N, C-alpha and C. Protein backbone atom coordinates (compact mmCIF):
# COMPACT_ATOMS: atom_id res chain seq x y z
N THR A 1 19.26 -1.79 -3.52
CA THR A 1 18.06 -1.31 -2.85
C THR A 1 18.30 0.11 -2.38
N HIS A 2 17.34 0.95 -2.64
CA HIS A 2 17.42 2.35 -2.23
C HIS A 2 16.51 2.56 -1.03
N LEU A 3 17.12 2.95 0.08
CA LEU A 3 16.33 3.21 1.28
C LEU A 3 15.98 4.68 1.35
N SER A 4 14.77 4.96 1.83
CA SER A 4 14.31 6.33 1.98
C SER A 4 13.29 6.37 3.10
N LEU A 5 12.72 7.53 3.33
CA LEU A 5 11.65 7.64 4.32
C LEU A 5 10.46 6.77 3.94
N LYS A 6 10.28 6.55 2.65
CA LYS A 6 9.19 5.69 2.19
C LYS A 6 9.43 4.23 2.61
N SER A 7 10.69 3.87 2.87
CA SER A 7 10.98 2.53 3.40
C SER A 7 10.40 2.39 4.79
N ASP A 8 10.49 3.45 5.57
CA ASP A 8 9.91 3.44 6.92
C ASP A 8 8.39 3.34 6.86
N VAL A 9 7.78 3.98 5.89
CA VAL A 9 6.32 3.90 5.71
C VAL A 9 5.95 2.46 5.38
N TRP A 10 6.72 1.81 4.51
CA TRP A 10 6.48 0.41 4.17
C TRP A 10 6.58 -0.45 5.43
N ALA A 11 7.61 -0.22 6.23
CA ALA A 11 7.79 -0.99 7.47
C ALA A 11 6.61 -0.78 8.42
N LEU A 12 6.08 0.43 8.48
CA LEU A 12 4.90 0.70 9.29
C LEU A 12 3.71 -0.12 8.79
N GLY A 13 3.59 -0.24 7.48
CA GLY A 13 2.53 -1.07 6.91
C GLY A 13 2.67 -2.53 7.31
N VAL A 14 3.90 -3.03 7.32
CA VAL A 14 4.15 -4.41 7.73
C VAL A 14 3.76 -4.60 9.20
N CYS A 15 4.19 -3.68 10.06
CA CYS A 15 3.86 -3.77 11.49
C CYS A 15 2.35 -3.68 11.71
N THR A 16 1.69 -2.78 10.99
CA THR A 16 0.24 -2.62 11.12
C THR A 16 -0.46 -3.89 10.69
N PHE A 17 -0.03 -4.46 9.57
CA PHE A 17 -0.60 -5.71 9.09
C PHE A 17 -0.49 -6.79 10.16
N GLU A 18 0.71 -6.94 10.73
CA GLU A 18 0.93 -8.00 11.72
C GLU A 18 0.07 -7.77 12.97
N LEU A 19 -0.04 -6.53 13.40
CA LEU A 19 -0.86 -6.23 14.58
C LEU A 19 -2.34 -6.53 14.33
N LEU A 20 -2.82 -6.19 13.15
CA LEU A 20 -4.24 -6.38 12.84
C LEU A 20 -4.59 -7.83 12.50
N ALA A 21 -3.72 -8.48 11.76
CA ALA A 21 -4.02 -9.84 11.28
C ALA A 21 -3.55 -10.93 12.23
N GLY A 22 -2.59 -10.59 13.08
CA GLY A 22 -2.03 -11.60 13.96
C GLY A 22 -1.08 -12.54 13.25
N GLN A 23 -0.62 -12.14 12.08
CA GLN A 23 0.35 -12.92 11.32
C GLN A 23 1.17 -11.97 10.46
N ARG A 24 2.32 -12.42 10.06
CA ARG A 24 3.20 -11.61 9.22
C ARG A 24 2.69 -11.58 7.78
N PRO A 25 2.87 -10.45 7.10
CA PRO A 25 2.42 -10.40 5.70
C PRO A 25 3.30 -11.25 4.78
N PHE A 26 4.54 -11.45 5.18
CA PHE A 26 5.46 -12.30 4.43
C PHE A 26 6.08 -13.25 5.44
N ASP A 27 5.99 -14.54 5.16
CA ASP A 27 6.49 -15.51 6.11
C ASP A 27 7.11 -16.67 5.36
N ALA A 28 8.33 -16.99 5.69
CA ALA A 28 9.03 -18.09 5.04
C ALA A 28 10.05 -18.66 6.02
N THR A 29 10.72 -19.70 5.60
CA THR A 29 11.63 -20.39 6.50
C THR A 29 13.02 -19.78 6.55
N SER A 30 13.32 -18.84 5.67
CA SER A 30 14.64 -18.20 5.70
C SER A 30 14.50 -16.72 5.32
N VAL A 31 15.50 -15.97 5.69
CA VAL A 31 15.50 -14.54 5.37
C VAL A 31 15.47 -14.34 3.85
N MET A 32 16.24 -15.13 3.13
CA MET A 32 16.28 -15.01 1.67
C MET A 32 14.90 -15.30 1.07
N ALA A 33 14.22 -16.30 1.59
CA ALA A 33 12.89 -16.63 1.08
C ALA A 33 11.90 -15.50 1.36
N VAL A 34 12.02 -14.86 2.53
CA VAL A 34 11.16 -13.71 2.84
C VAL A 34 11.45 -12.58 1.85
N MET A 35 12.72 -12.32 1.58
CA MET A 35 13.08 -11.25 0.64
C MET A 35 12.50 -11.53 -0.75
N ILE A 36 12.52 -12.77 -1.16
CA ILE A 36 11.95 -13.14 -2.47
C ILE A 36 10.44 -12.92 -2.45
N GLN A 37 9.78 -13.29 -1.36
CA GLN A 37 8.34 -13.05 -1.25
C GLN A 37 8.03 -11.56 -1.34
N ILE A 38 8.79 -10.76 -0.61
CA ILE A 38 8.56 -9.31 -0.60
C ILE A 38 8.68 -8.76 -2.01
N ARG A 39 9.67 -9.22 -2.71
CA ARG A 39 9.93 -8.69 -4.05
C ARG A 39 8.91 -9.18 -5.09
N ASN A 40 8.42 -10.41 -4.93
CA ASN A 40 7.66 -11.04 -6.01
C ASN A 40 6.19 -11.30 -5.73
N THR A 41 5.74 -11.13 -4.50
CA THR A 41 4.35 -11.45 -4.20
C THR A 41 3.71 -10.32 -3.41
N GLU A 42 2.40 -10.38 -3.32
CA GLU A 42 1.64 -9.45 -2.48
C GLU A 42 1.23 -10.18 -1.21
N PRO A 43 1.12 -9.47 -0.11
CA PRO A 43 0.61 -10.12 1.09
C PRO A 43 -0.81 -10.63 0.86
N GLU A 44 -1.21 -11.59 1.66
CA GLU A 44 -2.57 -12.11 1.59
C GLU A 44 -3.45 -11.19 2.43
N TYR A 45 -3.97 -10.15 1.78
CA TYR A 45 -4.77 -9.15 2.50
C TYR A 45 -6.07 -9.73 3.04
N THR A 46 -6.48 -10.88 2.54
CA THR A 46 -7.68 -11.51 3.09
C THR A 46 -7.46 -11.91 4.55
N ALA A 47 -6.21 -12.06 4.97
CA ALA A 47 -5.92 -12.36 6.38
C ALA A 47 -6.41 -11.22 7.27
N LEU A 48 -6.31 -9.99 6.77
CA LEU A 48 -6.83 -8.84 7.52
C LEU A 48 -8.34 -8.91 7.62
N GLU A 49 -8.99 -9.25 6.52
CA GLU A 49 -10.45 -9.35 6.51
C GLU A 49 -10.93 -10.45 7.44
N ARG A 50 -10.24 -11.59 7.41
CA ARG A 50 -10.62 -12.70 8.31
C ARG A 50 -10.46 -12.30 9.78
N ALA A 51 -9.53 -11.41 10.06
CA ALA A 51 -9.29 -10.96 11.44
C ALA A 51 -10.28 -9.87 11.85
N GLY A 52 -11.18 -9.48 10.93
CA GLY A 52 -12.20 -8.48 11.25
C GLY A 52 -11.81 -7.06 10.94
N CYS A 53 -10.77 -6.88 10.20
CA CYS A 53 -10.32 -5.53 9.83
C CYS A 53 -11.28 -4.93 8.80
N SER A 54 -11.54 -3.65 8.94
CA SER A 54 -12.43 -2.95 8.00
C SER A 54 -11.77 -2.80 6.64
N GLU A 55 -12.58 -2.50 5.64
CA GLU A 55 -12.04 -2.25 4.29
C GLU A 55 -11.06 -1.09 4.32
N ALA A 56 -11.35 -0.07 5.13
CA ALA A 56 -10.45 1.09 5.23
C ALA A 56 -9.11 0.68 5.82
N GLY A 57 -9.13 -0.23 6.78
CA GLY A 57 -7.89 -0.72 7.38
C GLY A 57 -7.07 -1.52 6.38
N VAL A 58 -7.75 -2.33 5.59
CA VAL A 58 -7.06 -3.10 4.54
C VAL A 58 -6.43 -2.15 3.53
N ARG A 59 -7.19 -1.15 3.09
CA ARG A 59 -6.65 -0.17 2.13
C ARG A 59 -5.45 0.57 2.71
N PHE A 60 -5.51 0.90 4.00
CA PHE A 60 -4.40 1.59 4.67
C PHE A 60 -3.13 0.73 4.55
N CYS A 61 -3.23 -0.54 4.88
CA CYS A 61 -2.07 -1.43 4.78
C CYS A 61 -1.59 -1.55 3.33
N GLN A 62 -2.53 -1.67 2.40
CA GLN A 62 -2.16 -1.78 0.99
C GLN A 62 -1.41 -0.53 0.51
N ARG A 63 -1.88 0.64 0.93
CA ARG A 63 -1.22 1.88 0.53
C ARG A 63 0.19 1.95 1.10
N LEU A 64 0.35 1.58 2.36
CA LEU A 64 1.66 1.67 3.00
C LEU A 64 2.64 0.66 2.44
N MET A 65 2.15 -0.51 2.04
CA MET A 65 3.04 -1.56 1.53
C MET A 65 3.07 -1.64 0.00
N HIS A 66 2.67 -0.57 -0.65
CA HIS A 66 2.69 -0.56 -2.12
C HIS A 66 4.12 -0.83 -2.59
N LYS A 67 4.26 -1.71 -3.57
CA LYS A 67 5.60 -2.07 -4.05
C LYS A 67 6.33 -0.88 -4.68
N THR A 68 5.60 0.00 -5.31
CA THR A 68 6.21 1.15 -5.94
C THR A 68 6.35 2.28 -4.92
N ARG A 69 7.56 2.61 -4.59
CA ARG A 69 7.86 3.61 -3.56
C ARG A 69 7.11 4.91 -3.78
N GLU A 70 7.03 5.34 -5.01
CA GLU A 70 6.39 6.62 -5.32
C GLU A 70 4.88 6.59 -5.08
N GLU A 71 4.31 5.41 -5.05
CA GLU A 71 2.87 5.25 -4.82
C GLU A 71 2.51 5.22 -3.34
N ARG A 72 3.52 5.03 -2.48
CA ARG A 72 3.26 5.01 -1.04
C ARG A 72 3.05 6.42 -0.53
N PRO A 73 2.22 6.56 0.50
CA PRO A 73 2.05 7.89 1.08
C PRO A 73 3.29 8.30 1.88
N THR A 74 3.42 9.57 2.12
CA THR A 74 4.44 10.03 3.06
C THR A 74 3.95 9.71 4.47
N ALA A 75 4.81 9.84 5.45
CA ALA A 75 4.39 9.60 6.83
C ALA A 75 3.27 10.56 7.22
N ALA A 76 3.37 11.81 6.80
CA ALA A 76 2.34 12.81 7.11
C ALA A 76 1.01 12.43 6.46
N GLU A 77 1.05 11.95 5.22
CA GLU A 77 -0.17 11.51 4.54
C GLU A 77 -0.77 10.29 5.23
N ALA A 78 0.08 9.38 5.69
CA ALA A 78 -0.41 8.19 6.38
C ALA A 78 -1.13 8.56 7.67
N VAL A 79 -0.58 9.49 8.40
CA VAL A 79 -1.20 9.93 9.66
C VAL A 79 -2.53 10.60 9.40
N ASP A 80 -2.67 11.23 8.25
CA ASP A 80 -3.91 11.91 7.90
C ASP A 80 -4.96 10.97 7.29
N ASP A 81 -4.61 9.70 7.10
CA ASP A 81 -5.55 8.74 6.53
C ASP A 81 -6.79 8.64 7.44
N ALA A 82 -7.94 8.57 6.83
CA ALA A 82 -9.20 8.52 7.60
C ALA A 82 -9.24 7.32 8.53
N TRP A 83 -8.67 6.19 8.12
CA TRP A 83 -8.68 5.02 8.98
C TRP A 83 -7.81 5.21 10.21
N PHE A 84 -6.67 5.86 10.02
CA PHE A 84 -5.71 6.05 11.10
C PHE A 84 -6.27 7.01 12.12
C-alpha cells in the first residue's frame, strides 16, 4: 500500500460519510474484513441519502473516497468543492 496526501483525503471522506450518515461506510466484525470491504466494495451511498444528505454531499464523499488515488481531489480541491 502506498500512502500519500491522497490517503488523508480518502480518510476525510470516510469521516465525512460517518458524520453525515451516522454509520461507517465500511463495517465488519474484524479489521481484516473491513480491509477486504475497502478494497473490494463501494460504500452504500444510499445511507447518506436516507440521512437527508444532498446530492452534492453524496458526490463530495464519492469524490473523496474514490478507489483510484489519482481520481481523488487534492485537499485544496476538496476545500474548494461547492458543497464544502
